[in-house]
Amino acid sequence: MPEISGDDVAHLARLSRLTLTDNELQQFAGQLDSILSHVRTIAEVADDEQRSVLNTVVNVTREDQVMPGFTPEEALAQAPAVEDQRFMVPRILGEAE
């Protein structure tokens, strides 16, 4: 039984601002369900111990160094629109989102 429904795909499409037909919603639901099924299979095979043995990468870190930066006035000086010492940008999501 598929775990990804056409409604799930429709929700993702809406969040991504995509317009999909009913046929595309069902097609993508099947494809996404298949992908998730394969990921689950891989996760079952590769447990944490096996993955940790294969991963020999060591994270190299350094001390943070304080570097001079812009003052708020310098940063906002080139902005096309400023309000209350903040950059103004166009709204991309509606009120309900």
C-alpha atoms as a PDB file:
ATOM      1  CA  MET A   1       0.000   0.000   0.000  1.00  0.00           C
ATOM      2  CA  PRO A   2       1.509   3.352  -0.973  1.00  0.00           C
ATOM      3  CA  GLU A   3       2.425   5.661   1.899  1.00  0.00           C
ATOM      4  CA  ILE A   4       2.591   8.802  -0.270  1.00  0.00           C
ATOM      5  CA  SER A   5      -0.809   9.917  -1.509  1.00  0.00           C
ATOM      6  CA  GLY A   6      -1.812  12.334  -4.234  1.00  0.00           C
ATOM      7  CA  ASP A   7      -2.851  14.718  -1.435  1.00  0.00           C
ATOM      8  CA  ASP A   8       0.675  14.587  -0.001  1.00  0.00           C
ATOM      9  CA  VAL A   9       2.129  15.418  -3.405  1.00  0.00           C
ATOM     10  CA  ALA A  10      -0.435  18.208  -3.865  1.00  0.00           C
ATOM     11  CA  HIS A  11       0.639  19.684  -0.523  1.00  0.00           C
ATOM     12  CA  LEU A  12       4.329  19.527  -1.499  1.00  0.00           C
ATOM     13  CA  ALA A  13       3.519  21.042  -4.900  1.00  0.00           C
ATOM     14  CA  ARG A  14       1.659  23.908  -3.254  1.00  0.00           C
ATOM     15  CA  LEU A  15       4.577  24.603  -0.908  1.00  0.00           C
ATOM     16  CA  SER A  16       6.918  24.507  -3.911  1.00  0.00           C
ATOM     17  CA  ARG A  17       4.574  26.729  -5.909  1.00  0.00           C
ATOM     18  CA  LEU A  18       4.153  24.076  -8.605  1.00  0.00           C
ATOM     19  CA  THR A  19       0.998  23.463 -10.584  1.00  0.00           C
ATOM     20  CA  LEU A  20       0.432  19.769 -11.267  1.00  0.00           C
ATOM     21  CA  THR A  21      -2.358  17.922 -13.031  1.00  0.00           C
ATOM     22  CA  ASP A  22      -4.229  15.060 -11.338  1.00  0.00           C
ATOM     23  CA  ASN A  23      -2.302  12.579 -13.496  1.00  0.00           C
ATOM     24  CA  GLU A  24       1.015  14.128 -12.448  1.00  0.00           C
ATOM     25  CA  LEU A  25       0.009  14.019  -8.783  1.00  0.00           C
ATOM     26  CA  GLN A  26      -0.674  10.275  -8.975  1.00  0.00           C
ATOM     27  CA  GLN A  27       2.444   9.623 -11.067  1.00  0.00           C
ATOM     28  CA  PHE A  28       4.700  11.508  -8.653  1.00  0.00           C
ATOM     29  CA  ALA A  29       3.037   9.872  -5.639  1.00  0.00           C
ATOM     30  CA  GLY A  30       4.026   6.463  -6.999  1.00  0.00           C
ATOM     31  CA  GLN A  31       7.549   7.602  -7.796  1.00  0.00           C
ATOM     32  CA  LEU A  32       8.086   9.187  -4.375  1.00  0.00           C
ATOM     33  CA  ASP A  33       6.687   6.107  -2.654  1.00  0.00           C
ATOM     34  CA  SER A  34       9.104   3.929  -4.633  1.00  0.00           C
ATOM     35  CA  ILE A  35      12.050   6.153  -3.697  1.00  0.00           C
ATOM     36  CA  LEU A  36      11.122   6.039  -0.001  1.00  0.00           C
ATOM     37  CA  SER A  37      10.765   2.271  -0.183  1.00  0.00           C
ATOM     38  CA  HIS A  38      14.294   1.963  -1.572  1.00  0.00           C
ATOM     39  CA  VAL A  39      15.648   4.286   1.122  1.00  0.00           C
ATOM     40  CA  ARG A  40      13.997   2.141   3.816  1.00  0.00           C
ATOM     41  CA  THR A  41      15.573  -0.982   2.311  1.00  0.00           C
ATOM     42  CA  ILE A  42      19.021   0.605   2.330  1.00  0.00           C
ATOM     43  CA  ALA A  43      18.540   1.812   5.917  1.00  0.00           C
ATOM     44  CA  GLU A  44      17.649  -1.716   7.024  1.00  0.00           C
ATOM     45  CA  VAL A  45      20.809  -3.144   5.459  1.00  0.00           C
ATOM     46  CA  ALA A  46      23.248  -0.500   6.659  1.00  0.00           C
ATOM     47  CA  ASP A  47      23.047  -0.193  10.423  1.00  0.00           C
ATOM     48  CA  ASP A  48      24.985   2.388  12.441  1.00  0.00           C
ATOM     49  CA  GLU A  49      27.926   0.125  13.268  1.00  0.00           C
ATOM     50  CA  GLN A  50      28.603  -0.733   9.638  1.00  0.00           C
ATOM     51  CA  ARG A  51      28.372   2.884   8.542  1.00  0.00           C
ATOM     52  CA  SER A  52      30.673   4.124  11.317  1.00  0.00           C
ATOM     53  CA  VAL A  53      33.366   1.607  10.338  1.00  0.00           C
ATOM     54  CA  LEU A  54      33.211   2.707   6.708  1.00  0.00           C
ATOM     55  CA  ASN A  55      33.339   6.410   7.535  1.00  0.00           C
ATOM     56  CA  THR A  56      36.939   7.329   8.418  1.00  0.00           C
ATOM     57  CA  VAL A  57      36.546  11.063   7.838  1.00  0.00           C
ATOM     58  CA  VAL A  58      37.711  13.184  10.757  1.00  0.00           C
ATOM     59  CA  ASN A  59      36.332  16.674  11.256  1.00  0.00           C
ATOM     60  CA  VAL A  60      39.152  19.217  11.378  1.00  0.00           C
ATOM     61  CA  THR A  61      38.289  22.371  13.265  1.00  0.00           C
ATOM     62  CA  ARG A  62      40.054  25.603  14.049  1.00  0.00           C
ATOM     63  CA  GLU A  63      39.604  28.330  16.622  1.00  0.00           C
ATOM     64  CA  ASP A  64      37.198  31.102  15.672  1.00  0.00           C
ATOM     65  CA  GLN A  65      38.858  34.383  14.830  1.00  0.00           C
ATOM     66  CA  VAL A  66      37.055  37.673  15.270  1.00  0.00           C
ATOM     67  CA  MET A  67      37.214  39.649  12.028  1.00  0.00           C
ATOM     68  CA  PRO A  68      36.077  43.223  11.483  1.00  0.00           C
ATOM     69  CA  GLY A  69      32.641  43.461   9.890  1.00  0.00           C
ATOM     70  CA  PHE A  70      30.102  46.011   8.736  1.00  0.00           C
ATOM     71  CA  THR A  71      28.264  48.275  11.126  1.00  0.00           C
ATOM     72  CA  PRO A  72      24.471  48.130  10.772  1.00  0.00           C
ATOM     73  CA  GLU A  73      24.568  51.507   9.030  1.00  0.00           C
ATOM     74  CA  GLU A  74      27.166  50.296   6.507  1.00  0.00           C
ATOM     75  CA  ALA A  75      25.217  47.107   5.797  1.00  0.00           C
ATOM     76  CA  LEU A  76      21.942  48.963   5.257  1.00  0.00           C
ATOM     77  CA  ALA A  77      23.468  51.802   3.239  1.00  0.00           C
ATOM     78  CA  GLN A  78      23.209  49.898  -0.069  1.00  0.00           C
ATOM     79  CA  ALA A  79      19.829  48.280   0.574  1.00  0.00           C
ATOM     80  CA  PRO A  80      17.049  49.241  -1.853  1.00  0.00           C
ATOM     81  CA  ALA A  81      14.559  49.515   1.039  1.00  0.00           C
ATOM     82  CA  VAL A  82      15.044  49.759   4.809  1.00  0.00           C
ATOM     83  CA  GLU A  83      12.558  49.949   7.674  1.00  0.00           C
ATOM     84  CA  ASP A  84      13.436  50.122  11.388  1.00  0.00           C
ATOM     85  CA  GLN A  85      17.075  49.210  10.668  1.00  0.00           C
ATOM     86  CA  ARG A  86      16.028  46.060   8.756  1.00  0.00           C
ATOM     87  CA  PHE A  87      16.153  45.091   5.103  1.00  0.00           C
ATOM     88  CA  MET A  88      12.706  45.240   3.483  1.00  0.00           C
ATOM     89  CA  VAL A  89      12.001  42.378   1.090  1.00  0.00           C
ATOM     90  CA  PRO A  90       8.897  41.439  -0.890  1.00  0.00           C
ATOM     91  CA  ARG A  91       6.434  39.086   0.826  1.00  0.00           C
ATOM     92  CA  ILE A  92       6.589  35.607  -0.706  1.00  0.00           C
ATOM     93  CA  LEU A  93       4.081  33.757   1.470  1.00  0.00           C
ATOM     94  CA  GLY A  94       0.455  34.609   2.057  1.00  0.00           C
ATOM     95  CA  GLU A  95      -1.070  35.529   5.411  1.00  0.00           C
ATOM     96  CA  ALA A  96      -2.240  31.963   6.165  1.00  0.00           C
ATOM     97  CA  GLU A  97       1.210  30.473   5.619  1.00  0.00           C
END
